[in-house]
């Protein structure tokens, strides 16, 4: 088996039990009755938000902050996510980008001494809780994985941030898996990572999503180890990679937030097409019903 085929199969199968737990934690089981339109045993996504989002805070490192590897700031995946959300809501969301390049999760990270500060654990109260978001994206793991931070320490620090933010302001919380990269032996002390260690970190993040009932945006699987989505520096996604990441994050949010469809349903309610099709469905004994 070729190396890429091996890594792809390993990524797809790694940590399946926790991924299954995450689905169970964020879904609702419906009975699969004959003719009901539901797959037997399928776990439907939990709807975390029925009213429009008002304020988004994303906490992360250089992938969030952006940098010279992108032609313009607006190419950052977080900015793309905001544009997608705003295209679905009548009122735009407030957006706070709290990315710091070369940032660490906490002082316990081996790369902390050479990182830009403060770390996530040192700044989340000011950068997140004080802003009172109703949508919170936490995007950490890459730098800590590259510096070989013990997984138990990383997990504890992430859990502290998630737990305290949820207690303080109860936002819809999104966790992202670790980004794909190619420059594994560059930029010490961030030269100790590997695909295998990334898979362990991602399994940890899936477990946190399950435990704290967060939405999981699996950007690792979205990038699918496609080298051409990574820029010349071997670390950051290029413009196309940013779009891939953004669409996976938006997809995950939309699957768990019916609020993003409110405006669409309002706009479509009085159209001739809607009137004709709903009348036809009603006459067929299959009327439109709001199930969310």
Protein backbone atom coordinates (compact mmCIF):
# COMPACT_ATOMS: atom_id res chain seq x y z
CA UNK A 1 0.00 0.00 0.00
CA UNK A 2 1.34 3.44 -0.95
CA UNK A 3 2.06 5.94 1.84
CA UNK A 4 -0.73 8.35 0.84
CA UNK A 5 -3.25 5.52 0.61
CA UNK A 6 -2.19 4.29 4.05
CA UNK A 7 -2.49 7.75 5.60
CA UNK A 8 -5.86 8.37 3.98
CA UNK A 9 -7.24 5.09 5.31
CA UNK A 10 -5.76 5.77 8.73
CA UNK A 11 -7.35 9.22 8.84
CA UNK A 12 -10.73 7.89 7.83
CA UNK A 13 -10.77 5.18 10.45
CA UNK A 14 -8.90 6.75 13.36
CA UNK A 15 -10.88 7.33 16.52
CA UNK A 16 -14.17 5.96 15.22
CA UNK A 17 -15.65 5.27 18.66
CA UNK A 18 -15.23 8.91 19.76
CA UNK A 19 -16.51 10.19 16.44
CA UNK A 20 -19.57 8.01 16.95
CA UNK A 21 -19.95 9.42 20.45
CA UNK A 22 -19.76 12.94 19.04
CA UNK A 23 -22.59 12.18 16.63
CA UNK A 24 -24.66 10.76 19.45
CA UNK A 25 -24.00 13.78 21.63
CA UNK A 26 -25.10 16.26 18.98
CA UNK A 27 -27.94 14.32 17.40
CA UNK A 28 -31.45 13.17 18.12
CA UNK A 29 -32.65 9.68 17.24
CA UNK A 30 -35.85 9.32 15.27
CA UNK A 31 -37.63 6.08 14.61
CA UNK A 32 -37.19 4.89 11.08
CA UNK A 33 -40.74 3.98 10.08
CA UNK A 34 -41.56 2.56 6.72
CA UNK A 35 -42.36 5.36 4.28
CA UNK A 36 -41.44 8.10 6.76
CA UNK A 37 -38.46 9.31 4.77
CA UNK A 38 -36.02 8.68 7.63
CA UNK A 39 -33.23 6.17 7.45
CA UNK A 40 -33.59 3.51 10.12
CA UNK A 41 -31.26 4.17 13.03
CA UNK A 42 -30.02 7.47 11.58
CA UNK A 43 -29.02 10.07 14.15
CA UNK A 44 -30.34 13.46 13.10
CA UNK A 45 -28.35 16.58 13.96
CA UNK A 46 -29.33 18.54 17.04
CA UNK A 47 -30.62 22.05 16.35
CA UNK A 48 -28.63 24.36 18.64
CA UNK A 49 -29.91 27.72 17.41
CA UNK A 50 -33.35 28.77 16.22
CA UNK A 51 -32.89 32.55 16.30
CA UNK A 52 -30.37 34.43 14.12
CA UNK A 53 -26.79 34.68 15.29
CA UNK A 54 -25.79 38.07 16.63
CA UNK A 55 -22.10 37.85 17.53
CA UNK A 56 -19.29 35.53 16.45
CA UNK A 57 -15.92 35.24 18.18
CA UNK A 58 -13.25 32.97 16.72
CA UNK A 59 -10.22 32.20 18.89
CA UNK A 60 -7.19 30.74 17.19
CA UNK A 61 -3.66 31.19 15.88
CA UNK A 62 -2.20 32.23 12.52
CA UNK A 63 -4.78 30.43 10.40
CA UNK A 64 -7.37 32.63 12.07
CA UNK A 65 -5.38 35.87 12.17
CA UNK A 66 -4.18 35.55 8.60
CA UNK A 67 -0.85 36.69 7.19
CA UNK A 68 1.29 37.35 4.10
CA UNK A 69 0.58 33.93 2.63
CA UNK A 70 -2.81 35.37 1.57
CA UNK A 71 -3.23 38.16 -0.96
CA UNK A 72 -5.87 39.88 1.15
CA UNK A 73 -7.24 39.64 4.67
CA UNK A 74 -10.69 38.81 3.34
CA UNK A 75 -9.34 35.46 2.07
CA UNK A 76 -9.10 34.14 5.65
CA UNK A 77 -11.45 31.21 6.18
CA UNK A 78 -13.08 32.93 9.15
CA UNK A 79 -13.99 35.90 6.95
CA UNK A 80 -15.45 33.54 4.36
CA UNK A 81 -17.56 31.86 7.07
CA UNK A 82 -18.88 35.27 8.13
CA UNK A 83 -19.82 36.13 4.54
CA UNK A 84 -21.68 32.83 4.21
CA UNK A 85 -23.56 33.41 7.47
CA UNK A 86 -24.45 36.98 6.45
CA UNK A 87 -25.78 35.75 3.11
CA UNK A 88 -28.29 33.66 5.08
CA UNK A 89 -29.41 36.20 7.70
CA UNK A 90 -31.46 39.36 7.35
CA UNK A 91 -29.15 41.15 9.80
CA UNK A 92 -25.35 40.70 9.62
CA UNK A 93 -23.48 39.05 12.45
CA UNK A 94 -20.94 40.97 14.53
CA UNK A 95 -17.54 39.43 13.91
CA UNK A 96 -14.53 39.41 16.22
CA UNK A 97 -11.39 37.76 14.91
CA UNK A 98 -9.19 36.85 17.88
CA UNK A 99 -6.39 35.07 16.08
CA UNK A 100 -2.76 35.51 17.09
CA UNK A 101 -0.10 33.99 14.87
CA UNK A 102 2.35 31.52 16.44
CA UNK A 103 0.04 31.30 19.45
CA UNK A 104 -0.15 28.41 21.94
CA UNK A 105 -3.05 26.97 23.88
CA UNK A 106 -1.38 27.66 27.24
CA UNK A 107 1.98 28.21 29.00
CA UNK A 108 2.23 24.42 29.30
CA UNK A 109 2.74 24.08 25.56
CA UNK A 110 6.43 23.36 24.75
CA UNK A 111 6.37 26.09 22.12
CA UNK A 112 5.07 28.74 24.53
CA UNK A 113 8.44 30.37 25.23
CA UNK A 114 8.88 31.22 21.53
CA UNK A 115 5.22 31.87 20.84
CA UNK A 116 3.39 35.15 20.50
CA UNK A 117 1.52 35.90 23.69
CA UNK A 118 -0.80 35.79 25.53
CA UNK A 119 -1.81 32.16 25.03
CA UNK A 120 -5.43 31.14 24.56
CA UNK A 121 -5.75 30.12 28.21
CA UNK A 122 -4.39 33.50 29.31
CA UNK A 123 -6.68 35.58 27.12
CA UNK A 124 -9.98 33.76 26.57
CA UNK A 125 -11.84 35.62 29.31
CA UNK A 126 -11.08 39.01 27.75
CA UNK A 127 -11.14 37.90 24.12
CA UNK A 128 -14.22 35.68 24.32
CA UNK A 129 -16.28 35.85 27.52
CA UNK A 130 -16.23 39.65 27.78
CA UNK A 131 -17.65 39.88 24.24
CA UNK A 132 -20.60 37.57 25.08
CA UNK A 133 -20.79 35.74 21.73
CA UNK A 134 -23.68 33.48 20.79
CA UNK A 135 -21.41 31.70 18.28
CA UNK A 136 -17.91 30.70 19.37
CA UNK A 137 -15.32 28.94 17.20
CA UNK A 138 -12.29 27.47 19.00
CA UNK A 139 -9.52 26.56 16.58
CA UNK A 140 -6.43 25.22 18.33
CA UNK A 141 -4.11 22.25 18.16
CA UNK A 142 -1.78 22.78 15.23
CA UNK A 143 1.03 24.67 16.98
CA UNK A 144 0.74 22.59 20.15
CA UNK A 145 0.85 19.38 18.14
CA UNK A 146 3.88 20.64 16.18
CA UNK A 147 5.65 21.36 19.48
CA UNK A 148 4.72 17.89 20.81
CA UNK A 149 2.60 19.13 23.71
CA UNK A 150 1.43 16.15 25.82
CA UNK A 151 -2.07 15.32 24.72
CA UNK A 152 -3.42 15.19 28.27
CA UNK A 153 -2.24 18.76 28.90
CA UNK A 154 -3.74 19.99 25.63
CA UNK A 155 -7.03 18.31 26.41
CA UNK A 156 -7.24 19.78 29.91
CA UNK A 157 -6.53 23.31 28.66
CA UNK A 158 -9.08 23.05 25.85
CA UNK A 159 -11.66 21.66 28.28
CA UNK A 160 -11.08 24.57 30.66
CA UNK A 161 -11.72 27.12 27.93
CA UNK A 162 -14.78 25.35 26.54
CA UNK A 163 -16.34 24.74 29.94
CA UNK A 164 -15.84 28.26 31.26
CA UNK A 165 -17.03 29.97 28.07
CA UNK A 166 -20.15 27.80 27.98
CA UNK A 167 -20.91 28.53 31.63
CA UNK A 168 -20.41 32.27 31.15
CA UNK A 169 -22.40 32.94 27.98
CA UNK A 170 -23.74 29.63 26.56
CA UNK A 171 -22.74 30.18 22.93
CA UNK A 172 -23.12 27.65 20.17
CA UNK A 173 -19.58 26.25 20.28
CA UNK A 174 -17.67 24.95 17.28
CA UNK A 175 -14.43 22.97 17.55
CA UNK A 176 -12.21 22.51 14.52
CA UNK A 177 -9.88 19.59 14.01
CA UNK A 178 -6.20 20.28 13.31
CA UNK A 179 -5.34 21.65 9.88
CA UNK A 180 -3.35 19.62 7.38
CA UNK A 181 0.23 20.77 6.61
CA UNK A 182 3.32 19.57 4.73
CA UNK A 183 6.34 21.34 6.27
CA UNK A 184 6.88 18.97 9.17
CA UNK A 185 10.64 19.49 9.66
CA UNK A 186 10.66 23.30 9.48
CA UNK A 187 10.38 26.12 12.00
CA UNK A 188 11.71 24.76 15.33
CA UNK A 189 10.40 24.34 18.01
CA UNK A 190 7.41 23.55 15.76
CA UNK A 191 9.19 20.68 14.02
CA UNK A 192 8.09 17.73 16.12
CA UNK A 193 4.70 17.00 14.61
CA UNK A 194 3.49 14.28 12.26
CA UNK A 195 0.38 12.96 10.60
CA UNK A 196 0.17 10.26 13.25
CA UNK A 197 0.27 12.80 16.09
CA UNK A 198 -2.28 14.96 14.28
CA UNK A 199 -4.66 12.01 14.17
CA UNK A 200 -4.31 11.62 17.94
CA UNK A 201 -5.01 15.31 18.48
CA UNK A 202 -8.03 15.15 16.20
CA UNK A 203 -9.42 12.18 18.08
CA UNK A 204 -8.99 14.19 21.29
CA UNK A 205 -10.91 17.12 19.78
CA UNK A 206 -13.70 14.82 18.66
CA UNK A 207 -13.94 13.54 22.21
CA UNK A 208 -14.16 17.09 23.57
CA UNK A 209 -16.92 17.89 21.08
CA UNK A 210 -18.86 14.90 22.35
CA UNK A 211 -18.30 15.67 26.03
CA UNK A 212 -19.24 19.35 25.83
CA UNK A 213 -21.90 19.04 23.11
CA UNK A 214 -20.02 21.18 20.62
CA UNK A 215 -20.37 21.23 16.87
CA UNK A 216 -17.41 19.49 15.24
CA UNK A 217 -16.03 21.00 12.03
CA UNK A 218 -13.69 18.32 10.72
CA UNK A 219 -11.44 20.42 8.51
CA UNK A 220 -8.75 17.73 8.49
CA UNK A 221 -11.07 15.46 6.55
CA UNK A 222 -12.21 18.36 4.38
CA UNK A 223 -8.62 19.06 3.31
CA UNK A 224 -8.14 15.29 2.91
CA UNK A 225 -4.31 15.59 2.91
CA UNK A 226 -4.35 17.32 -0.48
CA UNK A 227 -0.89 18.92 -0.67
CA UNK A 228 -2.01 21.45 -3.29
CA UNK A 229 -4.29 23.14 -0.73
CA UNK A 230 -1.23 24.18 1.32
CA UNK A 231 0.91 27.22 0.48
CA UNK A 232 4.65 27.46 -0.11
CA UNK A 233 5.42 27.72 3.63
CA UNK A 234 4.10 24.18 4.20
CA UNK A 235 1.89 25.27 7.10
CA UNK A 236 -0.94 27.51 5.96
CA UNK A 237 -3.77 26.76 3.57
CA UNK A 238 -3.67 28.79 0.37
CA UNK A 239 -6.70 30.68 -0.92
CA UNK A 240 -8.36 27.54 -2.24
CA UNK A 241 -7.57 25.70 0.98
CA UNK A 242 -9.14 28.55 2.95
CA UNK A 243 -12.33 28.11 0.93
CA UNK A 244 -12.34 24.37 1.63
CA UNK A 245 -11.91 24.98 5.37
CA UNK A 246 -14.55 27.73 5.43
CA UNK A 247 -17.12 25.61 3.67
CA UNK A 248 -16.60 22.73 6.10
CA UNK A 249 -17.01 25.08 9.09
CA UNK A 250 -20.13 26.68 7.60
CA UNK A 251 -21.54 23.27 6.70
CA UNK A 252 -21.13 22.07 10.28
CA UNK A 253 -22.79 25.20 11.70
CA UNK A 254 -25.68 25.08 9.22
CA UNK A 255 -26.38 21.41 9.97
CA UNK A 256 -26.90 22.33 13.63
CA UNK A 257 -28.50 25.79 13.36
CA UNK A 258 -31.94 26.12 11.80
CA UNK A 259 -31.69 29.88 12.35
CA UNK A 260 -29.65 30.14 9.17
CA UNK A 261 -32.72 29.13 7.15
CA UNK A 262 -35.25 31.47 8.80
CA UNK A 263 -34.81 34.30 6.31
CA UNK A 264 -34.84 31.92 3.35
CA UNK A 265 -38.18 30.45 4.44
CA UNK A 266 -39.59 33.94 5.01
CA UNK A 267 -38.56 35.07 1.53
CA UNK A 268 -39.95 31.96 -0.15
CA UNK A 269 -43.20 31.79 1.78
CA UNK A 270 -45.34 33.95 -0.53
CA UNK A 271 -43.95 33.00 -3.93
CA UNK A 272 -46.08 31.38 -6.61
CA UNK A 273 -43.74 28.41 -6.66
CA UNK A 274 -44.22 27.81 -2.94
CA UNK A 275 -47.99 28.19 -3.19
CA UNK A 276 -48.22 25.75 -6.10
CA UNK A 277 -45.91 23.13 -4.66
CA UNK A 278 -47.35 23.20 -1.14
CA UNK A 279 -50.87 22.92 -2.57
CA UNK A 280 -49.78 19.97 -4.70
CA UNK A 281 -48.16 18.28 -1.71
CA UNK A 282 -51.27 18.83 0.41
CA UNK A 283 -53.49 17.31 -2.27
CA UNK A 284 -51.18 14.30 -2.41
CA UNK A 285 -51.48 13.73 1.33
CA UNK A 286 -47.89 14.86 1.84
CA UNK A 287 -48.29 18.39 3.25
CA UNK A 288 -45.36 20.59 4.21
CA UNK A 289 -44.71 20.42 7.93
CA UNK A 290 -42.13 22.32 9.90
CA UNK A 291 -40.26 19.58 11.78
CA UNK A 292 -37.62 21.73 13.46
